[in-house]
Amino acid sequence: MTRRQPPVRPDPLSEAAARRHELTRSRAIQALRELDRAGIPVTFAGVAQAAGVSRSWLYTQPDISGQIRRLRQKTDGAGSAGAIPAGQRASDASLRARLAAALDRNKQLADENARLRRQLAYALGDQRSARTRSGNDPAAETTEVRP
């Protein structure tokens, strides 16, 4: 007759450590998301402070540290756009479309400016011609030589 062994219960300390680890991970991930959503630059120090964990612990979590590095790279090259959350930043295609629209508008304004300059030149020429015909041309008076 074989003796039946009672089921092995997990170690309560191991269970508590696993629960604490998962709670810490969830706090760090939540802090990471909140910082990005708020437009605050995502750094190891910022996430550690917001989550109440150590920076060295963050470095030991490959998925969390990888996400921090990705978000940090996006904000490093973005200049002043670094304060904008990743989900709200304009895509490259959107930026190109806005640039094309701005260039078109710039050309329209340059054409309108040239047209208005031509109209002004004609108006000033007509005005001068009218003054010359009436004998009221100030430019003609300055060129006359008086004895």
N, C-alpha and C. Protein backbone atom coordinates (compact mmCIF):
# COMPACT_ATOMS: atom_id res chain seq x y z
N MET A 1 0.83 -1.15 0.00
CA MET A 1 0.00 0.00 0.00
C MET A 1 0.89 1.23 0.00
N THR A 2 0.61 2.14 -0.94
CA THR A 2 1.40 3.34 -1.04
C THR A 2 0.74 4.43 -0.23
N ARG A 3 1.55 5.14 0.37
CA ARG A 3 1.07 6.24 1.19
C ARG A 3 0.83 7.45 0.31
N ARG A 4 -0.26 8.04 0.46
CA ARG A 4 -0.61 9.20 -0.32
C ARG A 4 -0.06 10.46 0.34
N GLN A 5 0.67 11.23 -0.46
CA GLN A 5 1.27 12.45 0.05
C GLN A 5 0.23 13.57 0.01
N PRO A 6 0.16 14.40 1.02
CA PRO A 6 -0.76 15.55 0.96
C PRO A 6 -0.23 16.54 -0.07
N PRO A 7 -1.14 17.27 -0.73
CA PRO A 7 -0.69 18.24 -1.73
C PRO A 7 0.23 19.28 -1.09
N VAL A 8 1.23 19.66 -1.85
CA VAL A 8 2.20 20.63 -1.37
C VAL A 8 1.60 22.02 -1.51
N ARG A 9 1.55 22.69 -0.42
CA ARG A 9 1.03 24.06 -0.45
C ARG A 9 2.15 25.01 -0.82
N PRO A 10 1.82 26.00 -1.65
CA PRO A 10 2.86 26.97 -1.98
C PRO A 10 3.29 27.72 -0.72
N ASP A 11 4.50 28.13 -0.76
CA ASP A 11 5.08 28.86 0.36
C ASP A 11 4.39 30.23 0.47
N PRO A 12 3.83 30.57 1.63
CA PRO A 12 3.15 31.87 1.78
C PRO A 12 4.07 33.05 1.50
N LEU A 13 5.34 32.93 1.84
CA LEU A 13 6.27 34.04 1.58
C LEU A 13 6.47 34.23 0.08
N SER A 14 6.56 33.12 -0.66
CA SER A 14 6.72 33.22 -2.11
C SER A 14 5.49 33.84 -2.75
N GLU A 15 4.33 33.44 -2.26
CA GLU A 15 3.08 34.02 -2.79
C GLU A 15 3.02 35.52 -2.52
N ALA A 16 3.39 35.93 -1.33
CA ALA A 16 3.37 37.35 -0.98
C ALA A 16 4.37 38.13 -1.83
N ALA A 17 5.54 37.56 -2.05
CA ALA A 17 6.55 38.23 -2.88
C ALA A 17 6.06 38.36 -4.32
N ALA A 18 5.41 37.33 -4.85
CA ALA A 18 4.89 37.37 -6.22
C ALA A 18 3.80 38.43 -6.34
N ARG A 19 2.91 38.50 -5.33
CA ARG A 19 1.84 39.52 -5.34
C ARG A 19 2.45 40.92 -5.29
N ARG A 20 3.44 41.10 -4.40
CA ARG A 20 4.08 42.41 -4.28
C ARG A 20 4.79 42.79 -5.58
N HIS A 21 5.42 41.82 -6.23
CA HIS A 21 6.09 42.08 -7.51
C HIS A 21 5.08 42.52 -8.57
N GLU A 22 3.97 41.83 -8.67
CA GLU A 22 2.95 42.20 -9.67
C GLU A 22 2.33 43.56 -9.37
N LEU A 23 2.11 43.87 -8.10
CA LEU A 23 1.58 45.19 -7.74
C LEU A 23 2.58 46.28 -8.09
N THR A 24 3.84 46.04 -7.85
CA THR A 24 4.88 47.01 -8.17
C THR A 24 4.95 47.23 -9.68
N ARG A 25 4.90 46.14 -10.45
CA ARG A 25 4.92 46.24 -11.91
C ARG A 25 3.72 47.05 -12.40
N SER A 26 2.55 46.77 -11.85
CA SER A 26 1.36 47.49 -12.31
C SER A 26 1.45 48.98 -11.95
N ARG A 27 2.03 49.32 -10.79
CA ARG A 27 2.21 50.73 -10.43
C ARG A 27 3.18 51.41 -11.39
N ALA A 28 4.24 50.72 -11.75
CA ALA A 28 5.23 51.30 -12.67
C ALA A 28 4.62 51.51 -14.05
N ILE A 29 3.88 50.53 -14.53
CA ILE A 29 3.25 50.65 -15.86
C ILE A 29 2.21 51.77 -15.85
N GLN A 30 1.44 51.85 -14.78
CA GLN A 30 0.43 52.91 -14.66
C GLN A 30 1.10 54.29 -14.63
N ALA A 31 2.19 54.42 -13.89
CA ALA A 31 2.91 55.70 -13.81
C ALA A 31 3.46 56.07 -15.18
N LEU A 32 3.99 55.09 -15.90
CA LEU A 32 4.52 55.31 -17.24
C LEU A 32 3.43 55.85 -18.17
N ARG A 33 2.28 55.23 -18.14
CA ARG A 33 1.15 55.67 -18.99
C ARG A 33 0.67 57.07 -18.61
N GLU A 34 0.58 57.33 -17.31
CA GLU A 34 0.10 58.65 -16.87
C GLU A 34 1.08 59.76 -17.26
N LEU A 35 2.38 59.50 -17.11
CA LEU A 35 3.36 60.51 -17.50
C LEU A 35 3.25 60.81 -19.00
N ASP A 36 3.14 59.76 -19.81
CA ASP A 36 3.05 59.96 -21.25
C ASP A 36 1.76 60.68 -21.61
N ARG A 37 0.65 60.29 -21.00
CA ARG A 37 -0.64 60.93 -21.29
C ARG A 37 -0.64 62.39 -20.89
N ALA A 38 0.05 62.71 -19.80
CA ALA A 38 0.09 64.10 -19.31
C ALA A 38 1.08 64.96 -20.10
N GLY A 39 1.88 64.33 -20.95
CA GLY A 39 2.85 65.10 -21.72
C GLY A 39 4.13 65.39 -20.96
N ILE A 40 4.31 64.72 -19.85
CA ILE A 40 5.53 64.90 -19.05
C ILE A 40 6.60 63.99 -19.65
N PRO A 41 7.83 64.48 -19.83
CA PRO A 41 8.88 63.63 -20.39
C PRO A 41 9.05 62.35 -19.56
N VAL A 42 9.10 61.22 -20.26
CA VAL A 42 9.21 59.92 -19.61
C VAL A 42 10.70 59.60 -19.41
N THR A 43 11.09 59.50 -18.15
CA THR A 43 12.47 59.15 -17.80
C THR A 43 12.42 58.08 -16.71
N PHE A 44 13.54 57.39 -16.51
CA PHE A 44 13.59 56.38 -15.45
C PHE A 44 13.32 57.03 -14.10
N ALA A 45 13.94 58.19 -13.86
CA ALA A 45 13.75 58.86 -12.57
C ALA A 45 12.29 59.29 -12.38
N GLY A 46 11.68 59.81 -13.44
CA GLY A 46 10.29 60.26 -13.34
C GLY A 46 9.34 59.11 -13.08
N VAL A 47 9.52 58.00 -13.79
CA VAL A 47 8.65 56.84 -13.58
C VAL A 47 8.88 56.27 -12.19
N ALA A 48 10.15 56.18 -11.77
CA ALA A 48 10.45 55.64 -10.44
C ALA A 48 9.79 56.47 -9.35
N GLN A 49 9.87 57.79 -9.48
CA GLN A 49 9.28 58.66 -8.46
C GLN A 49 7.76 58.55 -8.47
N ALA A 50 7.16 58.55 -9.67
CA ALA A 50 5.69 58.49 -9.76
C ALA A 50 5.15 57.16 -9.26
N ALA A 51 5.90 56.08 -9.47
CA ALA A 51 5.42 54.75 -9.08
C ALA A 51 5.85 54.37 -7.67
N GLY A 52 6.81 55.10 -7.11
CA GLY A 52 7.29 54.77 -5.78
C GLY A 52 8.20 53.54 -5.79
N VAL A 53 8.98 53.40 -6.86
CA VAL A 53 9.92 52.27 -6.97
C VAL A 53 11.31 52.84 -7.22
N SER A 54 12.30 51.96 -7.15
CA SER A 54 13.67 52.43 -7.38
C SER A 54 13.99 52.39 -8.87
N ARG A 55 14.90 53.26 -9.27
CA ARG A 55 15.34 53.26 -10.67
C ARG A 55 16.01 51.94 -11.01
N SER A 56 16.81 51.41 -10.09
CA SER A 56 17.50 50.15 -10.38
C SER A 56 16.51 49.02 -10.62
N TRP A 57 15.38 49.00 -9.92
CA TRP A 57 14.37 47.98 -10.16
C TRP A 57 13.79 48.14 -11.57
N LEU A 58 13.56 49.38 -12.00
CA LEU A 58 13.03 49.60 -13.35
C LEU A 58 13.99 49.03 -14.40
N TYR A 59 15.28 49.20 -14.20
CA TYR A 59 16.26 48.69 -15.16
C TYR A 59 16.24 47.16 -15.23
N THR A 60 15.79 46.49 -14.18
CA THR A 60 15.75 45.02 -14.19
C THR A 60 14.52 44.48 -14.88
N GLN A 61 13.57 45.34 -15.23
CA GLN A 61 12.34 44.91 -15.91
C GLN A 61 12.47 45.22 -17.40
N PRO A 62 12.79 44.23 -18.22
CA PRO A 62 13.09 44.50 -19.63
C PRO A 62 11.95 45.18 -20.40
N ASP A 63 10.72 44.75 -20.17
CA ASP A 63 9.62 45.34 -20.92
C ASP A 63 9.37 46.79 -20.51
N ILE A 64 9.42 47.08 -19.22
CA ILE A 64 9.18 48.45 -18.75
C ILE A 64 10.34 49.36 -19.16
N SER A 65 11.58 48.89 -18.97
CA SER A 65 12.72 49.73 -19.34
C SER A 65 12.75 49.96 -20.85
N GLY A 66 12.36 48.95 -21.62
CA GLY A 66 12.29 49.13 -23.08
C GLY A 66 11.28 50.18 -23.48
N GLN A 67 10.13 50.15 -22.83
CA GLN A 67 9.10 51.14 -23.14
C GLN A 67 9.55 52.55 -22.74
N ILE A 68 10.22 52.66 -21.60
CA ILE A 68 10.73 53.97 -21.17
C ILE A 68 11.73 54.48 -22.20
N ARG A 69 12.61 53.61 -22.67
CA ARG A 69 13.61 54.03 -23.68
C ARG A 69 12.95 54.46 -24.98
N ARG A 70 11.94 53.72 -25.43
CA ARG A 70 11.24 54.09 -26.67
C ARG A 70 10.57 55.45 -26.54
N LEU A 71 9.87 55.67 -25.44
CA LEU A 71 9.19 56.95 -25.25
C LEU A 71 10.20 58.08 -25.09
N ARG A 72 11.32 57.79 -24.44
CA ARG A 72 12.35 58.81 -24.26
C ARG A 72 12.98 59.17 -25.60
N GLN A 73 13.20 58.18 -26.47
CA GLN A 73 13.76 58.45 -27.80
C GLN A 73 12.80 59.30 -28.63
N LYS A 74 11.52 59.02 -28.54
CA LYS A 74 10.54 59.80 -29.30
C LYS A 74 10.56 61.25 -28.87
N THR A 75 10.72 61.50 -27.56
CA THR A 75 10.70 62.88 -27.09
C THR A 75 12.04 63.56 -27.27
N ASP A 76 13.17 62.78 -27.29
CA ASP A 76 14.49 63.39 -27.46
C ASP A 76 14.61 64.08 -28.81
N GLY A 77 14.16 63.44 -29.87
CA GLY A 77 14.29 64.01 -31.20
C GLY A 77 13.18 64.97 -31.54
N ALA A 78 12.22 65.14 -30.64
CA ALA A 78 11.06 65.94 -30.98
C ALA A 78 11.18 67.40 -30.59
N GLY A 79 12.24 67.79 -29.90
CA GLY A 79 12.40 69.19 -29.51
C GLY A 79 11.28 69.63 -28.60
N SER A 80 10.58 70.69 -28.98
CA SER A 80 9.49 71.18 -28.14
C SER A 80 8.29 70.26 -28.17
N ALA A 81 8.24 69.35 -29.13
CA ALA A 81 7.12 68.41 -29.19
C ALA A 81 7.27 67.32 -28.15
N GLY A 82 8.37 67.30 -27.43
CA GLY A 82 8.58 66.29 -26.42
C GLY A 82 7.53 66.32 -25.34
N ALA A 83 6.89 67.43 -25.12
CA ALA A 83 5.88 67.52 -24.10
C ALA A 83 4.54 66.97 -24.56
N ILE A 84 4.41 66.61 -25.80
CA ILE A 84 3.16 66.07 -26.33
C ILE A 84 3.17 64.56 -26.16
N PRO A 85 2.12 63.98 -25.61
CA PRO A 85 2.07 62.53 -25.46
C PRO A 85 2.22 61.82 -26.81
N ALA A 86 2.82 60.64 -26.78
CA ALA A 86 3.12 59.90 -28.01
C ALA A 86 1.87 59.67 -28.84
N GLY A 87 0.75 59.38 -28.20
CA GLY A 87 -0.48 59.11 -28.94
C GLY A 87 -1.09 60.33 -29.60
N GLN A 88 -0.65 61.52 -29.20
CA GLN A 88 -1.22 62.75 -29.75
C GLN A 88 -0.29 63.46 -30.73
N ARG A 89 0.91 62.91 -30.94
CA ARG A 89 1.84 63.56 -31.85
C ARG A 89 1.41 63.34 -33.29
N ALA A 90 1.70 64.32 -34.15
CA ALA A 90 1.35 64.24 -35.56
C ALA A 90 2.23 63.21 -36.25
N SER A 91 1.64 62.48 -37.19
CA SER A 91 2.41 61.49 -37.93
C SER A 91 3.23 62.20 -39.01
N ASP A 92 4.19 61.48 -39.59
CA ASP A 92 5.01 62.05 -40.66
C ASP A 92 4.14 62.45 -41.85
N ALA A 93 3.17 61.60 -42.21
CA ALA A 93 2.29 61.91 -43.34
C ALA A 93 1.48 63.18 -43.07
N SER A 94 1.01 63.32 -41.84
CA SER A 94 0.25 64.51 -41.47
C SER A 94 1.11 65.76 -41.55
N LEU A 95 2.34 65.66 -41.07
CA LEU A 95 3.25 66.81 -41.13
C LEU A 95 3.58 67.18 -42.57
N ARG A 96 3.76 66.17 -43.43
CA ARG A 96 4.04 66.45 -44.85
C ARG A 96 2.85 67.14 -45.50
N ALA A 97 1.63 66.69 -45.20
CA ALA A 97 0.43 67.31 -45.76
C ALA A 97 0.31 68.76 -45.30
N ARG A 98 0.59 69.02 -44.02
CA ARG A 98 0.53 70.39 -43.52
C ARG A 98 1.59 71.26 -44.17
N LEU A 99 2.78 70.70 -44.40
CA LEU A 99 3.85 71.45 -45.06
C LEU A 99 3.45 71.79 -46.49
N ALA A 100 2.88 70.83 -47.22
CA ALA A 100 2.45 71.08 -48.59
C ALA A 100 1.38 72.17 -48.63
N ALA A 101 0.43 72.12 -47.71
CA ALA A 101 -0.62 73.14 -47.65
C ALA A 101 -0.02 74.51 -47.35
N ALA A 102 0.95 74.55 -46.43
CA ALA A 102 1.59 75.83 -46.09
C ALA A 102 2.38 76.39 -47.27
N LEU A 103 3.07 75.52 -48.01
CA LEU A 103 3.82 75.97 -49.18
C LEU A 103 2.87 76.50 -50.27
N ASP A 104 1.74 75.82 -50.48
CA ASP A 104 0.74 76.30 -51.45
C ASP A 104 0.21 77.67 -51.03
N ARG A 105 -0.11 77.82 -49.76
CA ARG A 105 -0.63 79.10 -49.27
C ARG A 105 0.43 80.19 -49.42
N ASN A 106 1.69 79.85 -49.16
CA ASN A 106 2.77 80.81 -49.31
C ASN A 106 2.88 81.28 -50.76
N LYS A 107 2.75 80.36 -51.72
CA LYS A 107 2.80 80.73 -53.14
C LYS A 107 1.61 81.63 -53.49
N GLN A 108 0.42 81.30 -53.00
CA GLN A 108 -0.75 82.14 -53.26
C GLN A 108 -0.52 83.56 -52.74
N LEU A 109 0.01 83.67 -51.54
CA LEU A 109 0.25 84.99 -50.95
C LEU A 109 1.32 85.76 -51.71
N ALA A 110 2.36 85.06 -52.17
CA ALA A 110 3.40 85.73 -52.96
C ALA A 110 2.82 86.24 -54.29
N ASP A 111 1.97 85.43 -54.93
CA ASP A 111 1.32 85.87 -56.18
C ASP A 111 0.42 87.08 -55.93
N GLU A 112 -0.35 87.04 -54.84
CA GLU A 112 -1.23 88.16 -54.52
C GLU A 112 -0.42 89.41 -54.21
N ASN A 113 0.69 89.25 -53.52
CA ASN A 113 1.56 90.37 -53.20
C ASN A 113 2.10 91.01 -54.48
N ALA A 114 2.54 90.19 -55.43
CA ALA A 114 3.06 90.72 -56.70
C ALA A 114 1.96 91.46 -57.45
N ARG A 115 0.74 90.87 -57.46
CA ARG A 115 -0.39 91.53 -58.14
C ARG A 115 -0.69 92.88 -57.51
N LEU A 116 -0.71 92.95 -56.20
CA LEU A 116 -0.99 94.21 -55.51
C LEU A 116 0.11 95.25 -55.74
N ARG A 117 1.35 94.80 -55.82
CA ARG A 117 2.45 95.74 -56.12
C ARG A 117 2.28 96.34 -57.52
N ARG A 118 1.89 95.49 -58.48
CA ARG A 118 1.66 96.00 -59.84
C ARG A 118 0.52 97.01 -59.84
N GLN A 119 -0.57 96.70 -59.14
CA GLN A 119 -1.71 97.62 -59.07
C GLN A 119 -1.29 98.94 -58.44
N LEU A 120 -0.50 98.88 -57.38
CA LEU A 120 -0.03 100.09 -56.72
C LEU A 120 0.86 100.91 -57.66
N ALA A 121 1.73 100.24 -58.40
CA ALA A 121 2.60 100.95 -59.34
C ALA A 121 1.77 101.66 -60.40
N TYR A 122 0.76 100.99 -60.96
CA TYR A 122 -0.11 101.63 -61.95
C TYR A 122 -0.86 102.80 -61.35
N ALA A 123 -1.38 102.64 -60.12
CA ALA A 123 -2.14 103.71 -59.48
C ALA A 123 -1.24 104.92 -59.22
N LEU A 124 -0.03 104.68 -58.74
CA LEU A 124 0.89 105.79 -58.50
C LEU A 124 1.30 106.46 -59.82
N GLY A 125 1.47 105.65 -60.87
CA GLY A 125 1.80 106.22 -62.19
C GLY A 125 0.67 107.09 -62.71
N ASP A 126 -0.57 106.61 -62.58
CA ASP A 126 -1.74 107.40 -63.01
C ASP A 126 -1.84 108.69 -62.21
N GLN A 127 -1.59 108.59 -60.92
CA GLN A 127 -1.67 109.77 -60.06
C GLN A 127 -0.61 110.79 -60.48
N ARG A 128 0.58 110.33 -60.77
CA ARG A 128 1.65 111.25 -61.18
C ARG A 128 1.32 111.88 -62.54
N SER A 129 0.79 111.06 -63.45
CA SER A 129 0.41 111.60 -64.76
C SER A 129 -0.65 112.68 -64.63
N ALA A 130 -1.60 112.46 -63.74
CA ALA A 130 -2.66 113.44 -63.53
C ALA A 130 -2.08 114.74 -62.97
N ARG A 131 -1.13 114.65 -62.07
CA ARG A 131 -0.50 115.85 -61.51
C ARG A 131 0.31 116.58 -62.57
N THR A 132 1.00 115.83 -63.43
CA THR A 132 1.83 116.44 -64.47
C THR A 132 0.95 117.20 -65.45
N ARG A 133 -0.18 116.61 -65.82
CA ARG A 133 -1.09 117.27 -66.77
C ARG A 133 -1.69 118.53 -66.18
N SER A 134 -1.90 118.56 -64.89
CA SER A 134 -2.51 119.74 -64.28
C SER A 134 -1.47 120.78 -63.90
N GLY A 135 -0.20 120.49 -64.10
CA GLY A 135 0.85 121.45 -63.77
C GLY A 135 1.17 121.46 -62.29
N ASN A 136 0.76 120.46 -61.58
CA ASN A 136 0.97 120.40 -60.14
C ASN A 136 1.90 119.24 -59.80
N ASP A 137 3.04 119.18 -60.51
CA ASP A 137 3.98 118.08 -60.30
C ASP A 137 5.14 118.58 -59.45
N PRO A 138 5.24 118.10 -58.19
CA PRO A 138 6.34 118.56 -57.32
C PRO A 138 7.70 118.13 -57.85
N ALA A 139 7.79 117.04 -58.55
CA ALA A 139 9.08 116.59 -59.08
C ALA A 139 9.55 117.53 -60.18
N ALA A 140 8.66 118.05 -60.98
CA ALA A 140 9.03 118.96 -62.07
C ALA A 140 9.54 120.29 -61.48
N GLU A 141 9.01 120.71 -60.35
CA GLU A 141 9.43 121.97 -59.76
C GLU A 141 10.86 121.90 -59.26
N THR A 142 11.26 120.77 -58.77
CA THR A 142 12.62 120.68 -58.23
C THR A 142 13.66 120.58 -59.32
N THR A 143 13.25 120.18 -60.52
CA THR A 143 14.23 120.06 -61.60
C THR A 143 14.41 121.36 -62.38
N GLU A 144 13.49 122.34 -62.18
CA GLU A 144 13.62 123.60 -62.87
C GLU A 144 14.81 124.38 -62.32
N VAL A 145 15.51 125.02 -63.22
CA VAL A 145 16.65 125.86 -62.80
C VAL A 145 16.15 127.28 -62.74
N ARG A 146 16.32 127.94 -61.63
CA ARG A 146 15.89 129.33 -61.48
C ARG A 146 17.07 130.25 -61.64
N PRO A 147 16.89 131.36 -62.39
CA PRO A 147 18.01 132.31 -62.61
C PRO A 147 18.36 133.10 -61.38
